[in-house]
Amino acid sequence: MKKKQRQMIGMLLALVVLAAAFLGIRQYNKNASSATSTTEDTQETVLDVNSDDITSFRYVYEGETYAFEKEDDTWYYADDHSLNLNQDRIKAMILKVAPLKADQVIENVTDMSQYGLADPERTIQYETADRSVIINIGNLNSMTSQYYIAFPSEMKVYVVATNVVTGFNYTLEDLVEVEETAEETESTEATDTTITESETTKTATETN
């Protein structure tokens, strides 16, 4: 009798633990969802620019400047239009800054150097039919995983998501579509043929 009572008590305790765990997970997910929603709601649109209106852009990455221009809705490397660029990747890059949203705006900044913006090493620039935009990129806040950015002649600092900046961490080579040459195609086909013949021979041997 006592043994059965202990078993019942053990089962009840297990159910209590499971129920508590379930409620804890449910509350955690609710809080996480609420935090995400709050972040989205509190973001401020700093530049309300339609990405389709951008006609050219340039950026600095690892000391190199890369410039691109659009013709008939197709993006080209400014110095060499013969290069076939990854259009989807370029459009994704532009969407990081047009429109541009900030998580926080720091007003009346007197010392831009504390944000790495006194003499920025990286910039992102773009043009539309009626405006030109320059975005200076400052330090990364490793604690919050956010970047500081600013516009020239403004004493404001904008705090933005990391991917606004890392979205431009590409060299030209990263943006060029690699086209398979005729020799590479023939080599691939020859390899596939060899594998198929090998598999056929193996199957015939196993059958015999």
N, C-alpha and C. Protein backbone atom coordinates (compact mmCIF):
# COMPACT_ATOMS: atom_id res chain seq x y z
N MET A 1 0.83 -1.20 0.00
CA MET A 1 0.00 0.00 0.00
C MET A 1 0.87 1.26 0.00
N LYS A 2 1.87 1.26 0.89
CA LYS A 2 2.77 2.40 0.97
C LYS A 2 3.55 2.56 -0.33
N LYS A 3 3.88 1.41 -0.94
CA LYS A 3 4.63 1.45 -2.19
C LYS A 3 3.80 2.14 -3.28
N LYS A 4 2.50 1.80 -3.33
CA LYS A 4 1.62 2.41 -4.32
C LYS A 4 1.45 3.91 -4.06
N GLN A 5 1.38 4.27 -2.80
CA GLN A 5 1.25 5.68 -2.45
C GLN A 5 2.48 6.47 -2.90
N ARG A 6 3.66 5.86 -2.68
CA ARG A 6 4.90 6.53 -3.09
C ARG A 6 4.94 6.70 -4.61
N GLN A 7 4.45 5.65 -5.32
CA GLN A 7 4.42 5.73 -6.78
C GLN A 7 3.48 6.84 -7.25
N MET A 8 2.31 6.93 -6.58
CA MET A 8 1.34 7.96 -6.94
C MET A 8 1.91 9.36 -6.69
N ILE A 9 2.57 9.50 -5.53
CA ILE A 9 3.17 10.79 -5.19
C ILE A 9 4.25 11.16 -6.21
N GLY A 10 5.06 10.14 -6.59
CA GLY A 10 6.12 10.37 -7.58
C GLY A 10 5.54 10.81 -8.91
N MET A 11 4.45 10.17 -9.34
CA MET A 11 3.81 10.53 -10.61
C MET A 11 3.24 11.95 -10.55
N LEU A 12 2.63 12.29 -9.42
CA LEU A 12 2.07 13.63 -9.26
C LEU A 12 3.16 14.70 -9.31
N LEU A 13 4.28 14.41 -8.64
CA LEU A 13 5.40 15.35 -8.66
C LEU A 13 5.94 15.53 -10.08
N ALA A 14 6.02 14.41 -10.81
CA ALA A 14 6.50 14.47 -12.19
C ALA A 14 5.57 15.33 -13.05
N LEU A 15 4.26 15.16 -12.84
CA LEU A 15 3.28 15.96 -13.59
C LEU A 15 3.41 17.44 -13.26
N VAL A 16 3.64 17.74 -11.97
CA VAL A 16 3.81 19.13 -11.56
C VAL A 16 5.03 19.75 -12.23
N VAL A 17 6.14 18.99 -12.27
CA VAL A 17 7.37 19.47 -12.90
C VAL A 17 7.15 19.72 -14.39
N LEU A 18 6.48 18.77 -15.06
CA LEU A 18 6.21 18.91 -16.49
C LEU A 18 5.32 20.12 -16.76
N ALA A 19 4.31 20.30 -15.91
CA ALA A 19 3.40 21.44 -16.09
C ALA A 19 4.15 22.76 -15.91
N ALA A 20 5.02 22.81 -14.91
CA ALA A 20 5.80 24.02 -14.66
C ALA A 20 6.74 24.32 -15.83
N ALA A 21 7.35 23.26 -16.36
CA ALA A 21 8.25 23.43 -17.50
C ALA A 21 7.48 23.94 -18.72
N PHE A 22 6.30 23.37 -18.95
CA PHE A 22 5.47 23.80 -20.08
C PHE A 22 5.10 25.27 -19.97
N LEU A 23 4.65 25.67 -18.78
CA LEU A 23 4.26 27.07 -18.56
C LEU A 23 5.45 28.01 -18.70
N GLY A 24 6.62 27.54 -18.24
CA GLY A 24 7.82 28.36 -18.35
C GLY A 24 8.21 28.60 -19.79
N ILE A 25 8.17 27.53 -20.60
CA ILE A 25 8.51 27.64 -22.02
C ILE A 25 7.51 28.55 -22.74
N ARG A 26 6.24 28.37 -22.39
CA ARG A 26 5.19 29.18 -23.02
C ARG A 26 5.39 30.67 -22.72
N GLN A 27 5.72 30.98 -21.47
CA GLN A 27 5.94 32.37 -21.08
C GLN A 27 7.18 32.95 -21.74
N TYR A 28 8.23 32.12 -21.87
CA TYR A 28 9.47 32.56 -22.52
C TYR A 28 9.21 32.93 -23.98
N ASN A 29 8.47 32.06 -24.68
CA ASN A 29 8.15 32.32 -26.08
C ASN A 29 7.31 33.58 -26.22
N LYS A 30 6.39 33.77 -25.27
CA LYS A 30 5.54 34.96 -25.30
C LYS A 30 6.37 36.22 -25.11
N ASN A 31 7.32 36.17 -24.16
CA ASN A 31 8.18 37.33 -23.91
C ASN A 31 9.09 37.63 -25.09
N ALA A 32 9.62 36.55 -25.71
CA ALA A 32 10.51 36.72 -26.86
C ALA A 32 9.76 37.35 -28.02
N SER A 33 8.53 36.87 -28.24
CA SER A 33 7.70 37.43 -29.31
C SER A 33 7.38 38.89 -29.05
N SER A 34 7.10 39.21 -27.79
CA SER A 34 6.78 40.59 -27.41
C SER A 34 7.98 41.50 -27.60
N ALA A 35 9.18 40.99 -27.26
CA ALA A 35 10.40 41.79 -27.40
C ALA A 35 10.68 42.10 -28.86
N THR A 36 10.48 41.09 -29.74
CA THR A 36 10.70 41.28 -31.17
C THR A 36 9.74 42.31 -31.72
N SER A 37 8.49 42.19 -31.32
CA SER A 37 7.46 43.13 -31.78
C SER A 37 7.77 44.55 -31.32
N THR A 38 8.23 44.68 -30.07
CA THR A 38 8.55 46.00 -29.52
C THR A 38 9.70 46.64 -30.28
N THR A 39 10.73 45.84 -30.62
CA THR A 39 11.87 46.35 -31.38
C THR A 39 11.44 46.88 -32.73
N GLU A 40 10.57 46.11 -33.41
CA GLU A 40 10.09 46.53 -34.72
C GLU A 40 9.27 47.80 -34.62
N ASP A 41 8.44 47.89 -33.58
CA ASP A 41 7.56 49.04 -33.42
C ASP A 41 8.33 50.31 -33.08
N THR A 42 9.45 50.17 -32.37
CA THR A 42 10.20 51.35 -31.92
C THR A 42 11.28 51.78 -32.90
N GLN A 43 11.48 51.05 -33.98
CA GLN A 43 12.45 51.46 -34.98
C GLN A 43 11.99 52.73 -35.67
N GLU A 44 12.94 53.61 -35.90
CA GLU A 44 12.63 54.88 -36.57
C GLU A 44 13.16 54.85 -37.99
N THR A 45 12.32 55.23 -38.93
CA THR A 45 12.75 55.31 -40.33
C THR A 45 13.56 56.58 -40.51
N VAL A 46 14.84 56.40 -40.76
CA VAL A 46 15.76 57.53 -40.89
C VAL A 46 15.77 58.07 -42.32
N LEU A 47 15.76 57.14 -43.27
CA LEU A 47 15.70 57.51 -44.69
C LEU A 47 14.57 56.74 -45.35
N ASP A 48 13.56 57.46 -45.76
CA ASP A 48 12.41 56.82 -46.40
C ASP A 48 12.61 56.85 -47.91
N VAL A 49 13.48 55.97 -48.38
CA VAL A 49 13.82 55.91 -49.80
C VAL A 49 13.42 54.55 -50.36
N ASN A 50 12.78 54.58 -51.51
CA ASN A 50 12.41 53.33 -52.19
C ASN A 50 13.65 52.76 -52.86
N SER A 51 13.95 51.52 -52.59
CA SER A 51 15.17 50.90 -53.15
C SER A 51 15.15 50.90 -54.68
N ASP A 52 13.97 50.85 -55.28
CA ASP A 52 13.87 50.84 -56.74
C ASP A 52 14.29 52.18 -57.35
N ASP A 53 14.29 53.24 -56.53
CA ASP A 53 14.64 54.57 -57.04
C ASP A 53 16.14 54.81 -57.09
N ILE A 54 16.91 53.92 -56.50
CA ILE A 54 18.37 54.10 -56.49
C ILE A 54 18.95 53.77 -57.86
N THR A 55 19.75 54.68 -58.37
CA THR A 55 20.33 54.51 -59.71
C THR A 55 21.80 54.11 -59.67
N SER A 56 22.46 54.39 -58.56
CA SER A 56 23.86 53.99 -58.41
C SER A 56 24.21 53.96 -56.92
N PHE A 57 25.23 53.18 -56.60
CA PHE A 57 25.70 53.17 -55.21
C PHE A 57 27.15 52.72 -55.16
N ARG A 58 27.80 53.07 -54.09
CA ARG A 58 29.18 52.66 -53.88
C ARG A 58 29.41 52.46 -52.39
N TYR A 59 30.39 51.66 -52.07
CA TYR A 59 30.71 51.43 -50.66
C TYR A 59 32.18 51.05 -50.52
N VAL A 60 32.69 51.23 -49.32
CA VAL A 60 34.07 50.88 -49.02
C VAL A 60 34.07 49.64 -48.15
N TYR A 61 34.88 48.66 -48.56
CA TYR A 61 35.01 47.43 -47.78
C TYR A 61 36.46 46.95 -47.85
N GLU A 62 37.06 46.75 -46.69
CA GLU A 62 38.46 46.32 -46.59
C GLU A 62 39.39 47.22 -47.39
N GLY A 63 39.13 48.53 -47.32
CA GLY A 63 39.99 49.50 -47.97
C GLY A 63 39.75 49.69 -49.45
N GLU A 64 38.86 48.93 -50.05
CA GLU A 64 38.56 49.04 -51.47
C GLU A 64 37.18 49.66 -51.67
N THR A 65 37.06 50.47 -52.73
CA THR A 65 35.78 51.08 -53.06
C THR A 65 35.16 50.36 -54.25
N TYR A 66 33.92 49.98 -54.10
CA TYR A 66 33.20 49.27 -55.16
C TYR A 66 32.00 50.12 -55.59
N ALA A 67 31.91 50.39 -56.90
CA ALA A 67 30.85 51.26 -57.41
C ALA A 67 29.99 50.51 -58.43
N PHE A 68 28.69 50.75 -58.36
CA PHE A 68 27.74 50.06 -59.24
C PHE A 68 26.71 51.05 -59.77
N GLU A 69 26.20 50.76 -60.95
CA GLU A 69 25.18 51.61 -61.55
C GLU A 69 24.13 50.76 -62.23
N LYS A 70 22.94 51.32 -62.32
CA LYS A 70 21.80 50.56 -62.86
C LYS A 70 21.40 51.10 -64.22
N GLU A 71 21.19 50.17 -65.15
CA GLU A 71 20.69 50.52 -66.47
C GLU A 71 19.60 49.53 -66.85
N ASP A 72 18.42 50.05 -67.18
CA ASP A 72 17.28 49.20 -67.56
C ASP A 72 17.03 48.12 -66.52
N ASP A 73 17.03 48.53 -65.25
CA ASP A 73 16.73 47.65 -64.12
C ASP A 73 17.76 46.54 -63.90
N THR A 74 18.92 46.67 -64.53
CA THR A 74 20.01 45.70 -64.33
C THR A 74 21.21 46.41 -63.73
N TRP A 75 21.81 45.79 -62.71
CA TRP A 75 22.96 46.39 -62.04
C TRP A 75 24.26 45.93 -62.69
N TYR A 76 25.18 46.91 -62.85
CA TYR A 76 26.48 46.64 -63.44
C TYR A 76 27.58 47.21 -62.55
N TYR A 77 28.75 46.57 -62.62
CA TYR A 77 29.93 47.14 -61.98
C TYR A 77 30.33 48.34 -62.81
N ALA A 78 30.50 49.49 -62.19
CA ALA A 78 30.70 50.74 -62.92
C ALA A 78 31.89 50.70 -63.86
N ASP A 79 32.96 50.02 -63.47
CA ASP A 79 34.18 50.01 -64.28
C ASP A 79 34.20 48.91 -65.34
N ASP A 80 33.23 48.00 -65.29
CA ASP A 80 33.23 46.88 -66.25
C ASP A 80 31.83 46.29 -66.37
N HIS A 81 31.10 46.75 -67.38
CA HIS A 81 29.73 46.27 -67.58
C HIS A 81 29.66 44.84 -68.12
N SER A 82 30.79 44.29 -68.50
CA SER A 82 30.78 42.92 -69.04
C SER A 82 30.62 41.87 -67.95
N LEU A 83 30.84 42.26 -66.71
CA LEU A 83 30.72 41.31 -65.60
C LEU A 83 29.25 41.02 -65.31
N ASN A 84 28.96 39.75 -65.14
CA ASN A 84 27.60 39.32 -64.83
C ASN A 84 27.44 39.27 -63.31
N LEU A 85 26.67 40.20 -62.76
CA LEU A 85 26.54 40.31 -61.31
C LEU A 85 25.33 39.55 -60.78
N ASN A 86 25.45 39.16 -59.52
CA ASN A 86 24.33 38.51 -58.82
C ASN A 86 23.31 39.59 -58.47
N GLN A 87 22.28 39.69 -59.28
CA GLN A 87 21.29 40.77 -59.12
C GLN A 87 20.53 40.67 -57.80
N ASP A 88 20.20 39.45 -57.40
CA ASP A 88 19.44 39.27 -56.15
C ASP A 88 20.25 39.73 -54.94
N ARG A 89 21.54 39.44 -54.96
CA ARG A 89 22.39 39.83 -53.84
C ARG A 89 22.52 41.35 -53.77
N ILE A 90 22.66 41.98 -54.91
CA ILE A 90 22.79 43.44 -54.93
C ILE A 90 21.51 44.10 -54.45
N LYS A 91 20.37 43.58 -54.88
CA LYS A 91 19.09 44.15 -54.44
C LYS A 91 18.92 43.99 -52.93
N ALA A 92 19.38 42.85 -52.40
CA ALA A 92 19.30 42.62 -50.95
C ALA A 92 20.19 43.61 -50.20
N MET A 93 21.34 43.94 -50.77
CA MET A 93 22.24 44.93 -50.15
C MET A 93 21.55 46.29 -50.06
N ILE A 94 20.95 46.70 -51.16
CA ILE A 94 20.32 48.02 -51.21
C ILE A 94 19.18 48.12 -50.21
N LEU A 95 18.45 47.03 -50.04
CA LEU A 95 17.32 47.03 -49.10
C LEU A 95 17.76 47.26 -47.65
N LYS A 96 19.04 47.07 -47.37
CA LYS A 96 19.54 47.32 -46.01
C LYS A 96 19.53 48.80 -45.66
N VAL A 97 19.64 49.64 -46.69
CA VAL A 97 19.75 51.09 -46.44
C VAL A 97 18.65 51.91 -47.10
N ALA A 98 17.76 51.26 -47.81
CA ALA A 98 16.67 51.99 -48.48
C ALA A 98 15.39 51.15 -48.45
N PRO A 99 14.51 51.46 -47.51
CA PRO A 99 14.61 52.51 -46.49
C PRO A 99 15.59 52.11 -45.37
N LEU A 100 16.11 53.10 -44.69
CA LEU A 100 17.04 52.87 -43.58
C LEU A 100 16.33 53.11 -42.26
N LYS A 101 16.42 52.10 -41.37
CA LYS A 101 15.77 52.21 -40.06
C LYS A 101 16.82 52.14 -38.96
N ALA A 102 16.58 52.91 -37.90
CA ALA A 102 17.48 52.94 -36.75
C ALA A 102 16.76 52.45 -35.50
N ASP A 103 17.51 51.73 -34.68
CA ASP A 103 16.95 51.26 -33.41
C ASP A 103 16.95 52.38 -32.36
N GLN A 104 17.86 53.33 -32.55
CA GLN A 104 17.98 54.43 -31.57
C GLN A 104 18.65 55.63 -32.24
N VAL A 105 18.28 56.81 -31.81
CA VAL A 105 18.90 58.04 -32.30
C VAL A 105 19.52 58.78 -31.12
N ILE A 106 20.81 59.06 -31.21
CA ILE A 106 21.52 59.79 -30.15
C ILE A 106 21.67 61.23 -30.60
N GLU A 107 21.01 62.14 -29.92
CA GLU A 107 20.98 63.55 -30.31
C GLU A 107 22.15 64.34 -29.69
N ASN A 108 22.44 65.47 -30.32
CA ASN A 108 23.39 66.46 -29.77
C ASN A 108 24.74 65.85 -29.38
N VAL A 109 25.31 65.08 -30.27
CA VAL A 109 26.61 64.46 -30.01
C VAL A 109 27.71 65.51 -30.18
N THR A 110 28.58 65.63 -29.20
CA THR A 110 29.66 66.63 -29.26
C THR A 110 31.00 66.01 -29.66
N ASP A 111 31.13 64.71 -29.48
CA ASP A 111 32.38 64.03 -29.80
C ASP A 111 32.08 62.78 -30.63
N MET A 112 32.17 62.93 -31.95
CA MET A 112 31.85 61.82 -32.85
C MET A 112 32.89 60.70 -32.77
N SER A 113 34.09 61.04 -32.26
CA SER A 113 35.16 60.05 -32.22
C SER A 113 34.85 58.89 -31.28
N GLN A 114 34.05 59.14 -30.26
CA GLN A 114 33.73 58.06 -29.33
C GLN A 114 32.84 56.99 -29.96
N TYR A 115 32.30 57.32 -31.14
CA TYR A 115 31.49 56.35 -31.87
C TYR A 115 32.20 55.87 -33.14
N GLY A 116 33.46 56.29 -33.29
CA GLY A 116 34.22 55.90 -34.48
C GLY A 116 33.79 56.65 -35.72
N LEU A 117 33.21 57.84 -35.54
CA LEU A 117 32.64 58.57 -36.67
C LEU A 117 33.34 59.90 -36.97
N ALA A 118 34.44 60.18 -36.27
CA ALA A 118 35.17 61.42 -36.53
C ALA A 118 35.89 61.34 -37.87
N ASP A 119 36.46 60.20 -38.17
CA ASP A 119 37.15 59.97 -39.44
C ASP A 119 36.86 58.54 -39.88
N PRO A 120 35.64 58.27 -40.32
CA PRO A 120 35.21 56.90 -40.62
C PRO A 120 35.98 56.28 -41.79
N GLU A 121 36.32 55.02 -41.64
CA GLU A 121 37.04 54.31 -42.69
C GLU A 121 36.09 53.71 -43.73
N ARG A 122 34.83 53.54 -43.32
CA ARG A 122 33.86 52.94 -44.25
C ARG A 122 32.70 53.90 -44.50
N THR A 123 32.23 53.89 -45.73
CA THR A 123 31.04 54.67 -46.09
C THR A 123 30.19 53.87 -47.06
N ILE A 124 28.92 54.22 -47.08
CA ILE A 124 27.99 53.70 -48.08
C ILE A 124 27.34 54.92 -48.72
N GLN A 125 27.35 54.98 -50.04
CA GLN A 125 26.75 56.12 -50.74
C GLN A 125 25.78 55.61 -51.80
N TYR A 126 24.72 56.38 -52.01
CA TYR A 126 23.85 56.04 -53.14
C TYR A 126 23.15 57.29 -53.68
N GLU A 127 22.69 57.17 -54.92
CA GLU A 127 22.04 58.29 -55.59
C GLU A 127 20.69 57.85 -56.15
N THR A 128 19.74 58.78 -56.11
CA THR A 128 18.47 58.63 -56.80
C THR A 128 18.40 59.78 -57.81
N ALA A 129 17.27 59.93 -58.46
CA ALA A 129 17.14 61.00 -59.44
C ALA A 129 17.22 62.38 -58.81
N ASP A 130 16.86 62.49 -57.54
CA ASP A 130 16.81 63.82 -56.92
C ASP A 130 17.57 63.97 -55.61
N ARG A 131 18.35 62.96 -55.23
CA ARG A 131 19.11 63.11 -53.99
C ARG A 131 20.34 62.23 -53.98
N SER A 132 21.30 62.64 -53.15
CA SER A 132 22.53 61.87 -52.95
C SER A 132 22.71 61.65 -51.45
N VAL A 133 23.00 60.43 -51.07
CA VAL A 133 23.09 60.07 -49.65
C VAL A 133 24.47 59.50 -49.34
N ILE A 134 25.06 59.97 -48.25
CA ILE A 134 26.32 59.41 -47.75
C ILE A 134 26.10 58.94 -46.32
N ILE A 135 26.43 57.68 -46.06
CA ILE A 135 26.29 57.11 -44.73
C ILE A 135 27.68 56.77 -44.20
N ASN A 136 28.08 57.42 -43.12
CA ASN A 136 29.36 57.10 -42.48
C ASN A 136 29.16 55.97 -41.48
N ILE A 137 30.06 55.02 -41.50
CA ILE A 137 29.96 53.86 -40.62
C ILE A 137 31.00 53.95 -39.51
N GLY A 138 30.54 53.82 -38.29
CA GLY A 138 31.43 53.92 -37.14
C GLY A 138 31.71 52.58 -36.50
N ASN A 139 31.81 52.58 -35.19
CA ASN A 139 32.19 51.38 -34.44
C ASN A 139 31.03 50.39 -34.30
N LEU A 140 31.41 49.16 -34.06
CA LEU A 140 30.45 48.12 -33.69
C LEU A 140 30.39 48.06 -32.17
N ASN A 141 29.19 48.13 -31.62
CA ASN A 141 28.99 47.94 -30.19
C ASN A 141 28.88 46.44 -29.95
N SER A 142 29.96 45.83 -29.46
CA SER A 142 29.99 44.38 -29.30
C SER A 142 29.02 43.89 -28.23
N MET A 143 28.62 44.76 -27.33
CA MET A 143 27.68 44.37 -26.27
C MET A 143 26.27 44.20 -26.81
N THR A 144 25.88 45.06 -27.74
CA THR A 144 24.52 45.02 -28.28
C THR A 144 24.46 44.50 -29.71
N SER A 145 25.64 44.27 -30.32
CA SER A 145 25.70 43.83 -31.72
C SER A 145 24.99 44.82 -32.63
N GLN A 146 25.30 46.09 -32.44
CA GLN A 146 24.74 47.15 -33.27
C GLN A 146 25.86 48.08 -33.73
N TYR A 147 25.64 48.72 -34.87
CA TYR A 147 26.62 49.67 -35.40
C TYR A 147 26.16 51.10 -35.18
N TYR A 148 27.16 51.99 -35.09
CA TYR A 148 26.89 53.42 -35.05
C TYR A 148 27.11 53.98 -36.45
N ILE A 149 26.15 54.74 -36.95
CA ILE A 149 26.31 55.38 -38.25
C ILE A 149 25.90 56.85 -38.12
N ALA A 150 26.27 57.64 -39.11
CA ALA A 150 25.92 59.06 -39.10
C ALA A 150 25.94 59.59 -40.52
N PHE A 151 25.35 60.77 -40.68
CA PHE A 151 25.39 61.47 -41.95
C PHE A 151 26.32 62.68 -41.81
N PRO A 152 27.06 63.03 -42.85
CA PRO A 152 27.96 64.18 -42.78
C PRO A 152 27.22 65.45 -42.36
N SER A 153 27.88 66.27 -41.57
CA SER A 153 27.35 67.57 -41.12
C SER A 153 26.22 67.45 -40.11
N GLU A 154 25.92 66.25 -39.66
CA GLU A 154 24.92 66.08 -38.60
C GLU A 154 25.60 65.70 -37.30
N MET A 155 25.14 66.24 -36.21
CA MET A 155 25.67 65.87 -34.90
C MET A 155 24.72 64.89 -34.22
N LYS A 156 24.29 63.93 -34.99
CA LYS A 156 23.46 62.84 -34.50
C LYS A 156 24.14 61.52 -34.82
N VAL A 157 23.90 60.54 -33.98
CA VAL A 157 24.40 59.19 -34.22
C VAL A 157 23.20 58.25 -34.23
N TYR A 158 23.18 57.39 -35.23
CA TYR A 158 22.08 56.43 -35.35
C TYR A 158 22.60 55.04 -35.02
N VAL A 159 21.86 54.34 -34.22
CA VAL A 159 22.21 52.97 -33.84
C VAL A 159 21.39 52.02 -34.70
N VAL A 160 22.09 51.18 -35.48
CA VAL A 160 21.38 50.31 -36.43
C VAL A 160 21.77 48.85 -36.22
N ALA A 161 20.96 47.98 -36.76
CA ALA A 161 21.23 46.55 -36.68
C ALA A 161 22.54 46.21 -37.40
N THR A 162 23.20 45.18 -36.94
CA THR A 162 24.49 44.79 -37.51
C THR A 162 24.42 44.53 -39.01
N ASN A 163 23.33 43.89 -39.46
CA ASN A 163 23.26 43.51 -40.88
C ASN A 163 23.12 44.70 -41.82
N VAL A 164 22.83 45.88 -41.30
CA VAL A 164 22.83 47.07 -42.15
C VAL A 164 24.23 47.29 -42.72
N VAL A 165 25.24 47.02 -41.90
CA VAL A 165 26.63 47.20 -42.32
C VAL A 165 27.20 45.93 -42.93
N THR A 166 27.01 44.80 -42.25
CA THR A 166 27.58 43.54 -42.77
C THR A 166 26.93 43.14 -44.09
N GLY A 167 25.78 43.72 -44.39
CA GLY A 167 25.16 43.46 -45.69
C GLY A 167 25.98 43.97 -46.85
N PHE A 168 27.01 44.78 -46.55
CA PHE A 168 27.91 45.30 -47.58
C PHE A 168 29.32 44.73 -47.44
N ASN A 169 29.44 43.63 -46.75
CA ASN A 169 30.75 42.98 -46.59
C ASN A 169 31.04 42.05 -47.76
N TYR A 170 31.09 42.62 -48.95
CA TYR A 170 31.34 41.83 -50.16
C TYR A 170 32.43 42.47 -51.00
N THR A 171 33.28 41.63 -51.55
CA THR A 171 34.23 42.08 -52.56
C THR A 171 33.55 41.95 -53.92
N LEU A 172 34.17 42.45 -54.96
CA LEU A 172 33.60 42.33 -56.30
C LEU A 172 33.45 40.86 -56.68
N GLU A 173 34.45 40.08 -56.31
CA GLU A 173 34.42 38.65 -56.62
C GLU A 173 33.19 37.96 -56.01
N ASP A 174 32.80 38.41 -54.83
CA ASP A 174 31.63 37.83 -54.17
C ASP A 174 30.34 38.12 -54.92
N LEU A 175 30.33 39.19 -55.70
CA LEU A 175 29.11 39.63 -56.37
C LEU A 175 29.01 39.20 -57.82
N VAL A 176 30.09 38.62 -58.34
CA VAL A 176 30.09 38.18 -59.74
C VAL A 176 29.55 36.76 -59.84
N GLU A 177 28.60 36.58 -60.76
CA GLU A 177 28.07 35.24 -61.01
C GLU A 177 29.12 34.43 -61.77
N VAL A 178 29.40 33.24 -61.28
CA VAL A 178 30.38 32.38 -61.94
C VAL A 178 29.66 31.54 -62.98
N GLU A 179 30.02 31.74 -64.25
CA GLU A 179 29.40 30.98 -65.33
C GLU A 179 30.27 29.78 -65.66
N GLU A 180 29.62 28.65 -65.81
CA GLU A 180 30.33 27.41 -66.12
C GLU A 180 30.77 27.44 -67.58
N THR A 181 32.07 27.21 -67.83
CA THR A 181 32.59 27.21 -69.19
C THR A 181 32.26 25.91 -69.89
N ALA A 182 32.45 25.89 -71.22
CA ALA A 182 32.17 24.69 -72.01
C ALA A 182 33.05 23.53 -71.56
N GLU A 183 34.33 23.84 -71.23
CA GLU A 183 35.24 22.79 -70.78
C GLU A 183 34.79 22.19 -69.46
N GLU A 184 34.31 23.06 -68.53
CA GLU A 184 33.83 22.58 -67.24
C GLU A 184 32.59 21.73 -67.41
N THR A 185 31.71 22.13 -68.36
CA THR A 185 30.49 21.36 -68.62
C THR A 185 30.84 19.98 -69.16
N GLU A 186 31.80 19.93 -70.13
CA GLU A 186 32.21 18.66 -70.70
C GLU A 186 32.85 17.77 -69.64
N SER A 187 33.66 18.38 -68.76
CA SER A 187 34.31 17.62 -67.69
C SER A 187 33.28 17.03 -66.74
N THR A 188 32.26 17.84 -66.39
CA THR A 188 31.20 17.36 -65.50
C THR A 188 30.43 16.22 -66.13
N GLU A 189 30.10 16.37 -67.43
CA GLU A 189 29.36 15.32 -68.13
C GLU A 189 30.18 14.05 -68.23
N ALA A 190 31.50 14.18 -68.48
CA ALA A 190 32.37 13.02 -68.58
C ALA A 190 32.45 12.29 -67.24
N THR A 191 32.53 13.06 -66.16
CA THR A 191 32.56 12.47 -64.81
C THR A 191 31.28 11.72 -64.52
N ASP A 192 30.14 12.33 -64.86
CA ASP A 192 28.84 11.68 -64.64
C ASP A 192 28.73 10.40 -65.44
N THR A 193 29.26 10.43 -66.69
CA THR A 193 29.20 9.24 -67.55
C THR A 193 30.05 8.12 -66.96
N THR A 194 31.24 8.47 -66.47
CA THR A 194 32.14 7.48 -65.87
C THR A 194 31.51 6.84 -64.65
N ILE A 195 30.86 7.66 -63.81
CA ILE A 195 30.20 7.15 -62.61
C ILE A 195 29.07 6.21 -62.98
N THR A 196 28.29 6.59 -64.00
CA THR A 196 27.16 5.77 -64.44
C THR A 196 27.64 4.43 -64.97
N GLU A 197 28.72 4.45 -65.80
CA GLU A 197 29.27 3.21 -66.35
C GLU A 197 29.80 2.32 -65.24
N SER A 198 30.44 2.93 -64.24
CA SER A 198 30.98 2.16 -63.11
C SER A 198 29.87 1.49 -62.33
N GLU A 199 28.77 2.23 -62.10
CA GLU A 199 27.64 1.68 -61.36
C GLU A 199 26.98 0.55 -62.14
N THR A 200 26.90 0.72 -63.49
CA THR A 200 26.30 -0.32 -64.34
C THR A 200 27.12 -1.59 -64.29
N THR A 201 28.46 -1.45 -64.38
CA THR A 201 29.36 -2.61 -64.33
C THR A 201 29.25 -3.33 -63.00
N LYS A 202 29.18 -2.55 -61.90
CA LYS A 202 29.07 -3.12 -60.56
C LYS A 202 27.78 -3.90 -60.42
N THR A 203 26.68 -3.34 -60.95
CA THR A 203 25.37 -4.00 -60.85
C THR A 203 25.38 -5.30 -61.63
N ALA A 204 25.99 -5.29 -62.85
CA ALA A 204 26.05 -6.49 -63.68
C ALA A 204 26.87 -7.57 -63.00
N THR A 205 27.97 -7.18 -62.35
CA THR A 205 28.83 -8.15 -61.65
C THR A 205 28.08 -8.79 -60.50
N GLU A 206 27.35 -7.96 -59.73
CA GLU A 206 26.61 -8.49 -58.59
C GLU A 206 25.50 -9.43 -59.04
N THR A 207 24.90 -9.13 -60.23
CA THR A 207 23.83 -9.99 -60.75
C THR A 207 24.36 -11.35 -61.15
N ASN A 208 25.56 -11.35 -61.79
CA ASN A 208 26.17 -12.62 -62.20
C ASN A 208 26.65 -13.41 -60.98
